[in-house]
Amino acid sequence: MTGKPAIIASLGYKGPQRRGRGTGHQGLKATLKYLQFRDRNNNQLAQSHEYERWQDHGLGVHHREIYNDCNTLQSKHVLAWTWVISPAPDLMALVPEDQRRQLLYDLTERVVEDYYTERGFDVPEYSYVMHTAKTKPTGDEPAQEHLHTHVVLPGTAPSAADRLPVYNNATKGHDRLFREIASRDFAEALDQHIGIEWRRLREEPQPAKDDLSISHDDFFSL
């Protein structure tokens, strides 16, 4: 058994004020464009500006559209939330190859819905994109496919009256809740796809703890 997390789920954001490279409105524009065209080596269609890579749940199918909607729906302090949902490659390798992408699509949408619901918010508009990469081979493990999603959400959530600002505060346990939901939902997805035998590879599917060696920025190359 191993103590490795079953999934890494991280919360990032772009504020409206520029505070250095990669921040503010220009930072969000650059990030969205990067996410849209990142996977060119693995997906030739990504080179086309006409190809719709984003899974649209109300925020848009193109980086310009998503930026404009985030700008319209921002809160005072948050222009956009930028999440990463990254299941462990060794566990995803147990899933039949033709089922992996659909599993991650379904997982991403369930995590979004469960997190906002458990926070007491209506689910906001959002869009997400799937990327694939390769892990670095080690002495006893070959390189593996590394599927993960990037989710973009506005700084506010809808309500019966005005839109409500959404803040993710680690001191209030929001980060932990997010990781616990992602871990729970991924465990249930694996159970449904391949049964419970995978659990022997993990003591229990633990969410990644606060670890400075795991950075949200590791998933970007701006």
Protein backbone atom coordinates (compact mmCIF):
# COMPACT_ATOMS: atom_id res chain seq x y z
CA MET A 1 0.00 0.00 0.00
CA THR A 2 1.07 3.57 -0.52
CA GLY A 3 0.31 6.93 0.99
CA LYS A 4 0.29 8.67 -2.38
CA PRO A 5 -2.84 10.74 -2.93
CA ALA A 6 -5.43 9.32 -5.29
CA ILE A 7 -6.01 12.76 -6.77
CA ILE A 8 -4.57 16.25 -6.65
CA ALA A 9 -7.19 19.00 -6.73
CA SER A 10 -6.03 22.58 -6.42
CA LEU A 11 -7.70 25.98 -6.27
CA GLY A 12 -6.18 29.01 -7.94
CA TYR A 13 -7.56 32.38 -8.94
CA LYS A 14 -6.94 35.51 -10.95
CA GLY A 15 -7.67 38.81 -9.26
CA PRO A 16 -8.63 41.90 -11.24
CA GLN A 17 -5.53 43.82 -10.15
CA ARG A 18 -2.20 43.21 -11.84
CA ARG A 19 0.42 42.25 -9.27
CA GLY A 20 3.14 40.90 -11.51
CA ARG A 21 3.53 38.50 -14.40
CA GLY A 22 0.54 36.23 -14.98
CA THR A 23 -1.88 38.25 -12.85
CA GLY A 24 -4.78 40.59 -13.50
CA HIS A 25 -6.79 40.80 -16.71
CA GLN A 26 -3.80 40.20 -18.97
CA GLY A 27 -2.82 37.20 -16.86
CA LEU A 28 -6.25 35.64 -17.27
CA LYS A 29 -6.27 36.28 -21.01
CA ALA A 30 -2.85 34.62 -21.37
CA THR A 31 -3.85 31.66 -19.20
CA LEU A 32 -7.05 31.00 -21.14
CA LYS A 33 -5.26 31.18 -24.49
CA TYR A 34 -2.58 28.84 -23.18
CA LEU A 35 -5.18 26.35 -21.94
CA GLN A 36 -6.98 26.36 -25.29
CA PHE A 37 -3.91 25.67 -27.43
CA ARG A 38 -1.63 23.86 -24.95
CA ASP A 39 -2.02 20.30 -26.24
CA ARG A 40 -0.89 20.79 -29.82
CA ASN A 41 1.65 17.97 -29.74
CA ASN A 42 -0.99 15.46 -28.62
CA ASN A 43 -3.99 16.86 -30.46
CA GLN A 44 -3.54 18.29 -33.92
CA LEU A 45 -7.02 19.83 -33.83
CA ALA A 46 -5.87 22.10 -31.01
CA GLN A 47 -3.81 24.03 -33.57
CA SER A 48 -7.01 25.22 -35.22
CA HIS A 49 -8.55 28.40 -33.87
CA GLU A 50 -11.94 27.04 -34.99
CA TYR A 51 -11.70 23.87 -32.88
CA GLU A 52 -13.85 23.95 -29.75
CA ARG A 53 -11.76 22.38 -27.02
CA TRP A 54 -13.69 23.68 -24.04
CA GLN A 55 -16.50 21.78 -22.38
CA ASP A 56 -18.97 24.63 -22.00
CA HIS A 57 -21.32 24.89 -19.04
CA GLY A 58 -22.37 28.46 -19.64
CA LEU A 59 -19.04 30.31 -19.67
CA GLY A 60 -18.06 29.82 -23.30
CA VAL A 61 -16.24 27.66 -25.87
CA HIS A 62 -13.39 30.05 -26.78
CA HIS A 63 -10.81 31.81 -24.65
CA ARG A 64 -12.08 35.27 -25.64
CA GLU A 65 -15.68 34.40 -24.80
CA ILE A 66 -14.66 32.88 -21.47
CA TYR A 67 -12.61 35.96 -20.58
CA ASN A 68 -15.47 38.30 -21.41
CA ASP A 69 -17.91 36.31 -19.29
CA CYS A 70 -15.47 36.17 -16.36
CA ASN A 71 -15.00 39.92 -16.66
CA THR A 72 -18.77 40.44 -16.55
CA LEU A 73 -19.31 38.03 -13.65
CA GLN A 74 -16.30 38.94 -11.49
CA SER A 75 -16.48 39.82 -7.81
CA LYS A 76 -14.60 42.67 -6.15
CA HIS A 77 -11.54 40.52 -5.51
CA VAL A 78 -11.81 37.56 -7.91
CA LEU A 79 -11.84 37.82 -11.69
CA ALA A 80 -11.87 34.05 -12.16
CA TRP A 81 -11.28 30.83 -10.27
CA THR A 82 -8.86 28.43 -11.97
CA TRP A 83 -8.98 24.85 -10.72
CA VAL A 84 -6.91 21.80 -11.57
CA ILE A 85 -8.34 18.29 -11.14
CA SER A 86 -5.62 15.69 -11.62
CA PRO A 87 -6.24 12.01 -10.81
CA ALA A 88 -3.20 9.84 -10.06
CA PRO A 89 -1.88 8.43 -13.36
CA ASP A 90 -1.28 4.96 -11.91
CA LEU A 91 -4.94 4.70 -10.87
CA MET A 92 -6.23 6.07 -14.16
CA ALA A 93 -4.10 3.43 -15.92
CA LEU A 94 -6.31 0.76 -14.34
CA VAL A 95 -9.33 2.15 -16.21
CA PRO A 96 -9.84 0.86 -19.77
CA GLU A 97 -8.30 3.39 -22.13
CA ASP A 98 -11.52 4.07 -23.98
CA GLN A 99 -13.25 5.01 -20.71
CA ARG A 100 -10.65 7.32 -19.15
CA ARG A 101 -11.63 10.60 -20.77
CA GLN A 102 -15.32 10.16 -20.09
CA LEU A 103 -14.55 9.27 -16.47
CA LEU A 104 -12.59 12.50 -16.09
CA TYR A 105 -15.27 14.57 -17.82
CA ASP A 106 -17.91 13.17 -15.47
CA LEU A 107 -15.64 13.54 -12.43
CA THR A 108 -14.85 17.18 -13.20
CA GLU A 109 -18.50 18.10 -13.51
CA ARG A 110 -19.44 16.22 -10.36
CA VAL A 111 -16.69 17.92 -8.32
CA VAL A 112 -17.88 21.36 -9.48
CA GLU A 113 -21.49 20.58 -8.64
CA ASP A 114 -20.75 18.92 -5.29
CA TYR A 115 -18.36 21.64 -4.10
CA TYR A 116 -20.72 24.54 -4.77
CA THR A 117 -23.70 22.63 -3.42
CA GLU A 118 -21.89 21.73 -0.18
CA ARG A 119 -20.81 25.37 0.16
CA GLY A 120 -24.48 26.40 -0.11
CA PHE A 121 -24.17 28.10 -3.51
CA ASP A 122 -25.98 27.54 -6.76
CA VAL A 123 -23.63 26.08 -9.37
CA PRO A 124 -22.19 28.91 -11.49
CA GLU A 125 -21.37 29.01 -15.16
CA TYR A 126 -18.05 27.32 -15.95
CA SER A 127 -15.94 25.83 -18.73
CA TYR A 128 -13.16 23.30 -18.59
CA VAL A 129 -10.57 21.72 -20.84
CA MET A 130 -8.77 18.39 -20.64
CA HIS A 131 -5.02 18.13 -21.11
CA THR A 132 -2.82 15.09 -21.42
CA ALA A 133 0.87 14.77 -20.65
CA LYS A 134 3.37 12.07 -19.73
CA THR A 135 4.78 11.43 -16.28
CA LYS A 136 8.54 11.20 -15.87
CA PRO A 137 9.74 7.58 -15.83
CA THR A 138 11.37 6.35 -12.64
CA GLY A 139 13.58 3.37 -11.92
CA ASP A 140 10.67 1.00 -11.43
CA GLU A 141 7.84 2.80 -13.27
CA PRO A 142 7.62 3.71 -16.97
CA ALA A 143 6.13 6.98 -18.15
CA GLN A 144 2.34 7.03 -17.88
CA GLU A 145 -0.42 9.09 -19.43
CA HIS A 146 -1.35 12.01 -17.20
CA LEU A 147 -4.87 13.24 -17.88
CA HIS A 148 -6.08 16.29 -15.97
CA THR A 149 -8.61 19.08 -16.37
CA HIS A 150 -8.42 22.84 -15.96
CA VAL A 151 -11.67 24.42 -14.82
CA VAL A 152 -12.44 28.14 -15.12
CA LEU A 153 -15.26 29.66 -13.07
CA PRO A 154 -16.33 33.28 -12.43
CA GLY A 155 -15.82 35.07 -9.13
CA THR A 156 -19.54 35.03 -8.35
CA ALA A 157 -22.37 32.51 -8.21
CA PRO A 158 -26.00 33.04 -9.21
CA SER A 159 -28.76 33.43 -6.65
CA ALA A 160 -32.45 34.31 -6.60
CA ALA A 161 -31.52 37.99 -6.26
CA ASP A 162 -28.06 39.45 -6.93
CA ARG A 163 -25.04 37.32 -7.75
CA LEU A 164 -23.01 36.30 -4.71
CA PRO A 165 -19.22 36.58 -4.37
CA VAL A 166 -17.49 33.25 -3.82
CA TYR A 167 -14.29 33.07 -1.80
CA ASN A 168 -12.17 30.04 -1.02
CA ASN A 169 -10.51 30.55 2.34
CA ALA A 170 -8.07 27.93 3.63
CA THR A 171 -8.52 29.11 7.24
CA LYS A 172 -12.23 28.28 6.94
CA GLY A 173 -11.52 24.80 5.60
CA HIS A 174 -12.62 25.45 2.03
CA ASP A 175 -9.43 24.01 0.49
CA ARG A 176 -9.77 20.86 2.57
CA LEU A 177 -13.42 20.48 1.65
CA PHE A 178 -12.55 20.80 -2.03
CA ARG A 179 -9.86 18.11 -1.81
CA GLU A 180 -12.09 15.81 0.19
CA ILE A 181 -14.91 16.11 -2.36
CA ALA A 182 -12.53 15.42 -5.25
CA SER A 183 -11.08 12.39 -3.45
CA ARG A 184 -14.51 11.00 -2.57
CA ASP A 185 -15.93 11.51 -6.05
CA PHE A 186 -12.89 9.95 -7.73
CA ALA A 187 -13.00 6.93 -5.42
CA GLU A 188 -16.66 6.38 -6.26
CA ALA A 189 -15.93 6.75 -9.98
CA LEU A 190 -13.18 4.13 -9.80
CA ASP A 191 -15.45 1.78 -7.87
CA GLN A 192 -18.05 2.07 -10.62
CA HIS A 193 -15.60 1.58 -13.49
CA ILE A 194 -13.23 -1.11 -12.18
CA GLY A 195 -14.55 -2.31 -8.83
CA ILE A 196 -12.98 -1.88 -5.40
CA GLU A 197 -9.78 -3.88 -5.91
CA TRP A 198 -7.87 -0.68 -6.72
CA ARG A 199 -8.20 0.35 -3.07
CA ARG A 200 -5.47 -2.12 -2.15
CA LEU A 201 -3.05 0.24 -3.89
CA ARG A 202 -3.98 2.97 -1.40
CA GLU A 203 -4.64 2.77 2.31
CA GLU A 204 -7.62 5.06 1.77
CA PRO A 205 -7.97 7.57 -1.07
CA GLN A 206 -6.49 10.57 0.74
CA PRO A 207 -6.72 14.07 -0.72
CA ALA A 208 -3.39 15.80 -1.20
CA LYS A 209 -2.40 17.67 1.95
CA ASP A 210 -1.12 21.21 1.97
CA ASP A 211 2.32 20.60 0.50
CA LEU A 212 4.58 23.32 -0.81
CA SER A 213 6.07 20.81 -3.25
CA ILE A 214 2.68 20.65 -5.03
CA SER A 215 2.02 23.91 -6.77
CA HIS A 216 -0.94 24.97 -8.87
CA ASP A 217 1.63 26.59 -11.15
CA ASP A 218 3.16 23.19 -11.96
CA PHE A 219 0.31 22.66 -14.41
CA PHE A 220 1.12 25.83 -16.38
CA SER A 221 4.07 26.92 -18.50
CA LEU A 222 3.30 30.56 -19.13
